[in-house]
Structures are given as C-alpha cells and as structure tokens.
Amino acid sequence: MPMKDMSAINIRSRKLGLLIRDARLASRKKISECAAAINVTPGIFRAYEDGRRSPSLPEVEALAYFFRMPIDRFWSREVISDDESPTKPLNLNMLFPLRHRVVGALLRQKRMEASRTVKSLSEDTGIPQRKLKAYELGERPISLPELEACMTALDSRIVTFFDQSSPIGQWVSQQQAIQEFMNLPQELQAFVCLPVNRPYLELARKMSLISTEKMREIAEGLLDITL
C-alpha cells in the first residue's frame, strides 16, 4: 500500500473535517441536526469533523444543501455564509442508496475508459481491491477523499460525479448559476437584469442550440443578402 497515497487521503480527510465543522458553526447547527440531515449518527458526524472518517460525495452534497451553500465551499479556504437552511425535506433513505450506486457506476465507467484494472487503481490509491469493487457496485459508499484519490489516479475530475437531478443537484446547479452571474462584469449583469433585453437573451439561447454547420449556413445566407 503506497504510504504517500494514504497520507494524502488522510490529510484531505482532516481538511474536509475542518471545512464541515466550519460550515456547521457558521450555520449555527448542532451536531445532532447535521447528523440527522445526512442520516448518520452524531458519533459518525463527529468522526467526520475530526477527520477520523470521511463522508461520501452524496453526503457532502446533502450537507451543502442543508447548509444552503455552494458545494465548492468544501474545496475552499473561505468562511461560509450563515443563510437559513432549506425547509424542503429529503427522503435520504431513498436518495443516498441511489446516489451511491450512481457514483459507483460512474467510478467504474471512468476506470474502464482509462483502461485501468481494479488492481492497478488499488495500487495507485492504496485502497484495497475488495473495497473498490464494493464501491463500484454501490454496495458501500466511497468517501470523498477516496473518490478524489481515484479521480487523480484516473486523470479525471470530481465535478463529473456531482448530482444533477435530485433537489440537491438542482439547488447546487442554481447556486453555481448565481455564482457565475455574479462573476460577470457589472455592465453585463445590468444588461441581463433589464426586462427589455430578455428577447435578445432568448434569441442568444436559441442560437446556442443551433449546430455549427447550421450557423455557418445562416451566416453565408446573410452574407449573400448583403452583397
């Protein structure tokens, strides 16, 4: 088992735990509340904060949803906000098993695309083969640091695993869209916010759906008309 790989996972686990604790304190939540939000015991949640154990990606997604914060905060050094938590309840008994299976299937897909065996991935990450097989089958959740280690070994990105369809995924996408809007120059923000400019935005959206070849045909047609 490569010691350097396991050391990296352990360091990431400690950092992730600190970020989780920071998020909880900033949102003024009790450990018991946070544990209930991701369907684990308070003891397990304490272990997450201490870095003795690490949550899975679906659990981190649920925490981001519960804390009402962008998921990329768990990769940040910035202090998070203390907005109110969403009130819409989640059926975690159904959501988590499904998400774990999806994450496992995506992990297997990424490994196959990279033409890697379970054995070689195990050697690169220090994660036992039996655990990797269980992760890929969705039989047990893979911790976020372990998943990140696998993505590093497979030269892939963790964002490809983010939830897109559940209430959590929809909320995360909404937060990302808001962040992208805030990153726009002020003059573009002002343009987008003016109701009179909505037809132009809708036209731009429709044009973005047109294939490159079709756009070229339209451009050539306009050129012919103006000549």
Protein backbone atom coordinates (compact mmCIF):
# COMPACT_ATOMS: atom_id res chain seq x y z
CA MET A 1 0.00 0.00 0.00
CA PRO A 2 1.69 3.26 -1.09
CA MET A 3 2.15 5.34 2.05
CA LYS A 4 2.21 8.63 0.16
CA ASP A 5 -1.24 7.98 -1.32
CA MET A 6 -2.83 7.04 2.01
CA SER A 7 -1.13 10.07 3.62
CA ALA A 8 -2.72 12.34 1.02
CA ILE A 9 -6.13 10.78 1.71
CA ASN A 10 -5.67 11.23 5.46
CA ILE A 11 -4.63 14.87 5.05
CA ARG A 12 -7.65 15.53 2.83
CA SER A 13 -9.88 13.84 5.41
CA ARG A 14 -8.63 16.19 8.12
CA LYS A 15 -9.09 19.27 5.93
CA LEU A 16 -12.56 18.14 4.89
CA GLY A 17 -13.47 17.65 8.54
CA LEU A 18 -12.39 21.19 9.37
CA LEU A 19 -14.46 22.57 6.49
CA ILE A 20 -17.50 20.60 7.65
CA ARG A 21 -17.10 21.88 11.21
CA ASP A 22 -16.68 25.44 9.93
CA ALA A 23 -19.85 25.08 7.89
CA ARG A 24 -21.79 23.75 10.87
CA LEU A 25 -20.58 26.51 13.22
CA ALA A 26 -21.27 29.22 10.66
CA SER A 27 -24.81 27.91 10.17
CA ARG A 28 -25.33 27.60 13.95
CA LYS A 29 -26.36 23.97 13.68
CA LYS A 30 -25.98 21.27 16.30
CA ILE A 31 -24.11 18.07 15.56
CA SER A 32 -27.31 16.12 16.07
CA GLU A 33 -29.11 18.27 13.46
CA CYS A 34 -26.34 17.82 10.91
CA ALA A 35 -26.16 14.09 11.57
CA ALA A 36 -29.90 13.77 11.03
CA ALA A 37 -29.64 15.83 7.83
CA ILE A 38 -27.40 13.18 6.24
CA ASN A 39 -28.88 10.18 8.03
CA VAL A 40 -25.88 9.23 10.19
CA THR A 41 -25.37 9.05 13.95
CA PRO A 42 -23.94 12.01 15.88
CA GLY A 43 -20.89 9.85 16.63
CA ILE A 44 -20.20 9.32 12.94
CA PHE A 45 -20.68 13.02 12.22
CA ARG A 46 -18.17 13.87 14.97
CA ALA A 47 -15.76 11.46 13.32
CA TYR A 48 -16.28 13.31 10.04
CA GLU A 49 -15.46 16.63 11.69
CA ASP A 50 -12.41 15.16 13.43
CA GLY A 51 -11.11 13.66 10.21
CA ARG A 52 -11.22 10.14 11.64
CA ARG A 53 -13.76 9.20 9.00
CA SER A 54 -14.86 10.89 5.79
CA PRO A 55 -18.30 11.37 4.26
CA SER A 56 -19.20 10.21 0.78
CA LEU A 57 -19.85 12.66 -2.05
CA PRO A 58 -23.67 12.23 -1.72
CA GLU A 59 -23.38 13.08 1.97
CA VAL A 60 -21.28 16.16 1.19
CA GLU A 61 -23.86 17.19 -1.40
CA ALA A 62 -26.62 16.80 1.19
CA LEU A 63 -24.64 18.89 3.68
CA ALA A 64 -24.21 21.64 1.10
CA TYR A 65 -27.97 21.52 0.55
CA PHE A 66 -28.65 21.52 4.30
CA PHE A 67 -26.27 24.44 4.94
CA ARG A 68 -27.60 26.20 1.83
CA MET A 69 -24.12 26.83 0.47
CA PRO A 70 -22.26 26.14 -2.79
CA ILE A 71 -20.70 22.69 -2.79
CA ASP A 72 -17.34 24.11 -3.85
CA ARG A 73 -17.04 25.55 -0.34
CA PHE A 74 -15.75 22.11 0.68
CA TRP A 75 -12.73 22.79 -1.51
CA SER A 76 -12.29 26.36 -0.29
CA ARG A 77 -10.47 28.18 2.49
CA GLU A 78 -13.06 30.93 2.69
CA VAL A 79 -15.51 31.40 5.55
CA ILE A 80 -19.01 30.34 4.53
CA SER A 81 -22.24 32.29 4.95
CA ASP A 82 -24.91 31.56 7.54
CA ASP A 83 -28.03 31.65 5.42
CA GLU A 84 -31.12 29.82 6.62
CA SER A 85 -31.40 26.13 5.81
CA PRO A 86 -33.92 24.99 3.20
CA THR A 87 -37.20 23.70 4.60
CA LYS A 88 -37.93 21.11 1.93
CA PRO A 89 -37.35 17.65 3.47
CA LEU A 90 -35.35 14.96 1.69
CA ASN A 91 -36.03 11.24 1.57
CA LEU A 92 -32.44 10.26 2.29
CA ASN A 93 -33.31 6.58 2.72
CA MET A 94 -34.10 6.54 -0.99
CA LEU A 95 -31.70 9.23 -2.23
CA PHE A 96 -28.43 8.01 -0.71
CA PRO A 97 -28.58 4.37 -1.90
CA LEU A 98 -29.41 5.57 -5.41
CA ARG A 99 -26.65 8.16 -5.43
CA HIS A 100 -24.11 5.65 -4.09
CA ARG A 101 -24.97 3.30 -6.96
CA VAL A 102 -24.67 6.13 -9.48
CA VAL A 103 -21.30 7.20 -8.05
CA GLY A 104 -20.11 3.59 -8.13
CA ALA A 105 -21.23 3.12 -11.72
CA LEU A 106 -19.51 6.35 -12.77
CA LEU A 107 -16.33 5.28 -10.99
CA ARG A 108 -16.32 2.00 -12.88
CA GLN A 109 -17.02 3.85 -16.14
CA LYS A 110 -14.10 6.23 -15.57
CA ARG A 111 -11.81 3.30 -14.73
CA MET A 112 -12.83 1.41 -17.85
CA GLU A 113 -12.41 4.50 -20.03
CA ALA A 114 -8.89 4.85 -18.67
CA SER A 115 -8.23 1.14 -19.46
CA ARG A 116 -7.32 0.52 -15.82
CA THR A 117 -7.90 -2.59 -13.75
CA VAL A 118 -9.17 -2.62 -10.19
CA LYS A 119 -5.77 -3.94 -9.17
CA SER A 120 -3.83 -1.08 -10.77
CA LEU A 121 -6.20 1.51 -9.31
CA SER A 122 -5.79 -0.11 -5.92
CA GLU A 123 -2.03 0.10 -6.23
CA ASP A 124 -2.16 3.79 -7.16
CA THR A 125 -4.57 4.85 -4.42
CA GLY A 126 -3.79 2.41 -1.62
CA ILE A 127 -7.47 1.45 -1.44
CA PRO A 128 -7.95 -2.34 -1.16
CA GLN A 129 -9.36 -4.07 -4.24
CA ARG A 130 -12.30 -5.53 -2.33
CA LYS A 131 -13.34 -2.04 -1.25
CA LEU A 132 -13.03 -0.67 -4.78
CA LYS A 133 -15.20 -3.49 -6.11
CA ALA A 134 -17.81 -2.80 -3.44
CA TYR A 135 -17.69 0.91 -4.25
CA GLU A 136 -18.23 0.29 -7.96
CA LEU A 137 -21.20 -1.96 -7.26
CA GLY A 138 -22.73 0.63 -4.95
CA GLU A 139 -22.64 -1.87 -2.10
CA ARG A 140 -20.96 0.64 0.19
CA PRO A 141 -20.39 4.42 -0.07
CA ILE A 142 -16.97 5.64 -1.10
CA SER A 143 -15.63 8.50 0.99
CA LEU A 144 -14.97 11.79 -0.76
CA PRO A 145 -11.17 11.71 -0.16
CA GLU A 146 -11.01 8.19 -1.58
CA LEU A 147 -13.09 9.23 -4.60
CA GLU A 148 -10.80 12.21 -5.15
CA ALA A 149 -7.78 9.91 -4.97
CA CYS A 150 -9.35 7.68 -7.62
CA MET A 151 -10.07 10.65 -9.85
CA THR A 152 -6.47 11.82 -9.53
CA ALA A 153 -5.21 8.36 -10.46
CA LEU A 154 -7.61 8.21 -13.43
CA ASP A 155 -6.80 11.79 -14.51
CA SER A 156 -10.46 12.77 -14.20
CA ARG A 157 -12.47 15.43 -12.37
CA ILE A 158 -14.68 15.12 -9.30
CA VAL A 159 -17.26 17.51 -10.77
CA THR A 160 -18.39 14.80 -13.19
CA PHE A 161 -19.83 12.98 -10.16
CA PHE A 162 -21.90 15.87 -8.85
CA ASP A 163 -25.62 15.30 -8.52
CA GLN A 164 -27.66 16.93 -11.29
CA SER A 165 -31.23 15.68 -10.97
CA SER A 166 -32.32 15.45 -7.32
CA PRO A 167 -33.48 18.51 -5.29
CA ILE A 168 -29.90 18.73 -4.01
CA GLY A 169 -28.44 18.67 -7.51
CA GLN A 170 -30.92 21.23 -8.77
CA TRP A 171 -30.12 23.53 -5.85
CA VAL A 172 -26.35 23.14 -6.41
CA SER A 173 -26.79 23.97 -10.11
CA GLN A 174 -28.83 27.02 -9.17
CA GLN A 175 -26.11 28.20 -6.78
CA GLN A 176 -23.45 27.71 -9.44
CA ALA A 177 -25.52 29.71 -11.92
CA ILE A 178 -25.87 32.52 -9.38
CA GLN A 179 -22.12 32.48 -8.76
CA GLU A 180 -21.40 32.60 -12.49
CA PHE A 181 -23.77 35.55 -12.84
CA MET A 182 -22.01 37.37 -10.01
CA ASN A 183 -18.69 36.83 -11.77
CA LEU A 184 -19.93 38.66 -14.88
CA PRO A 185 -18.80 42.28 -15.44
CA GLN A 186 -21.27 44.75 -13.94
CA GLU A 187 -22.34 46.05 -17.35
CA LEU A 188 -23.33 42.52 -18.42
CA GLN A 189 -25.19 41.97 -15.15
CA ALA A 190 -27.12 45.18 -15.76
CA PHE A 191 -27.90 44.10 -19.34
CA VAL A 192 -29.23 40.71 -18.20
CA CYS A 193 -31.41 42.26 -15.50
CA LEU A 194 -33.22 44.68 -17.80
CA PRO A 195 -36.58 43.15 -18.88
CA VAL A 196 -36.34 44.91 -22.25
CA ASN A 197 -33.26 42.81 -23.07
CA ARG A 198 -34.90 39.43 -22.45
CA PRO A 199 -35.80 38.90 -26.14
CA TYR A 200 -32.12 39.25 -27.01
CA LEU A 201 -31.16 36.76 -24.30
CA GLU A 202 -33.78 34.31 -25.52
CA LEU A 203 -32.50 34.70 -29.09
CA ALA A 204 -28.94 34.06 -27.89
CA ARG A 205 -30.14 30.94 -26.04
CA LYS A 206 -31.86 29.59 -29.14
CA MET A 207 -28.84 30.33 -31.31
CA SER A 208 -26.59 28.46 -28.88
CA LEU A 209 -28.64 25.33 -29.61
CA ILE A 210 -28.00 25.54 -33.34
CA SER A 211 -25.21 23.36 -34.71
CA THR A 212 -22.02 24.93 -36.04
CA GLU A 213 -22.83 23.83 -39.58
CA LYS A 214 -26.30 25.37 -39.42
CA MET A 215 -24.87 28.62 -38.06
CA ARG A 216 -22.41 28.69 -40.93
CA GLU A 217 -25.26 28.25 -43.43
CA ILE A 218 -27.19 31.12 -41.83
CA ALA A 219 -24.12 33.36 -41.87
CA GLU A 220 -23.44 32.57 -45.53
CA GLY A 221 -27.08 33.30 -46.38
CA LEU A 222 -26.91 36.67 -44.64
CA LEU A 223 -23.69 37.44 -46.45
CA ASP A 224 -25.32 36.69 -49.80
CA ILE A 225 -28.22 39.01 -48.97
CA THR A 226 -25.99 41.93 -48.01
CA LEU A 227 -23.72 41.64 -51.06
